[in-house]
């Protein structure tokens, strides 16, 4: 079956795999964020700290998920159906997702990217994980 697959069909499967990965990152990331926030709340009984952990962790997950979904859109548009209409739609999707990513970064950092050092979503995840493990070590 794979021997008879065309390049376009193969790239469509690659795009579907990226979409599935993006969805899995979002679902598993939400579960991780809830678990970390629950652990922080359980250890400290400080709702504000737990909420901040949840926001930072899930915000980082959202950024990662958006990047993976943009990759899926790129593969699908460029390799599967490279029509002018699809490229225009891709541009709009990338613009919207870029705006969402930009807004998430400002929301999580409190300042626009050009007013702070370059940091990514992974920093938020690592900060939240550190906070969860540090509170566990203190108790």
Protein backbone atom coordinates (compact mmCIF):
# COMPACT_ATOMS: atom_id res chain seq x y z
CA UNK A 1 0.00 0.00 0.00
CA UNK A 2 2.77 2.47 0.85
CA UNK A 3 4.57 1.73 -2.41
CA UNK A 4 1.62 3.10 -4.40
CA UNK A 5 1.21 6.26 -2.33
CA UNK A 6 1.79 9.50 -4.21
CA UNK A 7 3.89 12.33 -2.84
CA UNK A 8 0.75 14.39 -2.27
CA UNK A 9 -0.92 11.58 -0.32
CA UNK A 10 2.23 11.11 1.75
CA UNK A 11 2.43 14.81 2.59
CA UNK A 12 -1.27 14.80 3.47
CA UNK A 13 -0.52 12.03 5.98
CA UNK A 14 2.41 14.06 7.33
CA UNK A 15 0.11 17.07 7.79
CA UNK A 16 -2.44 14.86 9.55
CA UNK A 17 0.31 13.54 11.84
CA UNK A 18 1.30 17.12 12.73
CA UNK A 19 -2.34 17.95 13.45
CA UNK A 20 -2.70 14.88 15.67
CA UNK A 21 0.54 15.78 17.46
CA UNK A 22 -0.67 19.35 17.98
CA UNK A 23 -3.96 18.11 19.44
CA UNK A 24 -2.14 15.61 21.67
CA UNK A 25 0.21 18.35 22.92
CA UNK A 26 -2.78 20.50 23.83
CA UNK A 27 -4.68 17.71 25.63
CA UNK A 28 -1.66 16.25 27.42
CA UNK A 29 -0.35 19.72 28.18
CA UNK A 30 -3.64 20.67 29.81
CA UNK A 31 -3.47 17.55 31.95
CA UNK A 32 0.14 18.33 32.89
CA UNK A 33 -0.76 21.94 33.70
CA UNK A 34 -3.66 20.84 35.90
CA UNK A 35 -1.48 18.24 37.65
CA UNK A 36 1.31 20.74 38.33
CA UNK A 37 -1.11 23.40 39.55
CA UNK A 38 -2.84 20.83 41.75
CA UNK A 39 0.48 19.74 43.19
CA UNK A 40 1.47 23.34 43.94
CA UNK A 41 -1.90 24.01 45.58
CA UNK A 42 -1.76 20.75 47.56
CA UNK A 43 1.75 21.53 48.85
CA UNK A 44 1.33 25.25 49.54
CA UNK A 45 -2.45 25.79 49.86
CA UNK A 46 -1.80 29.03 47.98
CA UNK A 47 -4.37 29.39 45.24
CA UNK A 48 -2.64 32.34 43.60
CA UNK A 49 0.62 30.42 43.19
CA UNK A 50 -1.25 27.37 41.86
CA UNK A 51 -3.18 29.56 39.42
CA UNK A 52 0.04 31.20 38.21
CA UNK A 53 1.54 27.75 37.69
CA UNK A 54 -1.52 26.71 35.70
CA UNK A 55 -1.42 29.86 33.56
CA UNK A 56 2.29 29.66 32.82
CA UNK A 57 2.27 25.95 32.11
CA UNK A 58 -0.80 25.95 29.90
CA UNK A 59 0.28 29.18 28.19
CA UNK A 60 3.54 27.50 27.18
CA UNK A 61 1.60 24.46 25.99
CA UNK A 62 -0.69 26.67 23.90
CA UNK A 63 2.31 28.32 22.26
CA UNK A 64 3.85 24.94 21.43
CA UNK A 65 0.54 23.58 20.15
CA UNK A 66 0.03 26.61 17.92
CA UNK A 67 3.51 26.21 16.44
CA UNK A 68 2.88 22.54 15.65
CA UNK A 69 -0.49 23.33 14.05
CA UNK A 70 1.12 26.04 11.92
CA UNK A 71 3.61 23.42 10.73
CA UNK A 72 0.70 21.17 9.75
CA UNK A 73 -0.88 24.02 7.79
CA UNK A 74 2.43 24.75 6.06
CA UNK A 75 2.91 21.14 4.99
CA UNK A 76 -0.66 20.84 3.78
CA UNK A 77 -0.60 24.09 1.82
CA UNK A 78 2.87 23.88 0.30
CA UNK A 79 3.10 20.16 -0.41
CA UNK A 80 -0.50 19.00 -0.78
CA UNK A 81 -2.59 21.78 -2.34
CA UNK A 82 -0.40 24.74 -3.35
CA UNK A 83 -3.16 26.82 -4.97
CA UNK A 84 -3.21 30.59 -4.69
CA UNK A 85 -6.41 30.43 -2.64
CA UNK A 86 -4.87 27.91 -0.20
CA UNK A 87 -1.71 30.00 0.14
CA UNK A 88 -3.87 33.05 0.94
CA UNK A 89 -5.82 31.02 3.50
CA UNK A 90 -2.53 29.79 4.99
CA UNK A 91 -1.33 33.37 5.25
CA UNK A 92 -4.49 34.32 7.13
CA UNK A 93 -4.20 31.29 9.44
CA UNK A 94 -0.54 32.03 10.17
CA UNK A 95 -1.41 35.69 10.79
CA UNK A 96 -4.17 34.75 13.25
CA UNK A 97 -2.03 32.16 15.03
CA UNK A 98 0.91 34.57 15.17
CA UNK A 99 -1.35 37.19 16.73
CA UNK A 100 -2.57 34.60 19.26
CA UNK A 101 1.00 33.57 20.08
CA UNK A 102 2.04 37.21 20.41
CA UNK A 103 -0.94 37.93 22.68
CA UNK A 104 -0.18 34.88 24.83
CA UNK A 105 3.44 35.96 25.23
CA UNK A 106 2.39 39.46 26.32
CA UNK A 107 -0.22 38.02 28.68
CA UNK A 108 2.27 35.65 30.30
CA UNK A 109 5.24 38.02 30.41
CA UNK A 110 3.40 41.27 31.03
CA UNK A 111 5.46 43.16 28.42
CA UNK A 112 5.84 43.06 24.64
CA UNK A 113 8.65 40.87 23.32
CA UNK A 114 10.77 43.81 22.19
CA UNK A 115 10.89 45.08 25.78
CA UNK A 116 12.34 41.96 27.34
CA UNK A 117 14.95 39.30 26.71
CA UNK A 118 14.04 36.61 24.22
CA UNK A 119 12.17 33.81 25.97
CA UNK A 120 9.94 31.10 24.61
CA UNK A 121 7.10 28.92 25.78
CA UNK A 122 9.54 26.29 27.04
CA UNK A 123 10.79 28.71 29.70
CA UNK A 124 7.28 28.98 31.10
CA UNK A 125 6.99 25.22 31.26
CA UNK A 126 10.34 24.81 32.97
CA UNK A 127 9.52 27.59 35.47
CA UNK A 128 6.23 25.93 36.36
CA UNK A 129 7.84 22.50 36.70
CA UNK A 130 10.60 23.99 38.89
CA UNK A 131 8.02 25.70 41.06
CA UNK A 132 6.11 22.44 41.46
CA UNK A 133 9.21 20.41 42.31
CA UNK A 134 10.70 23.12 44.55
CA UNK A 135 7.54 23.27 46.66
CA UNK A 136 7.56 19.47 46.90
CA UNK A 137 11.18 19.48 48.10
CA UNK A 138 10.42 22.09 50.78
CA UNK A 139 7.66 20.04 52.38
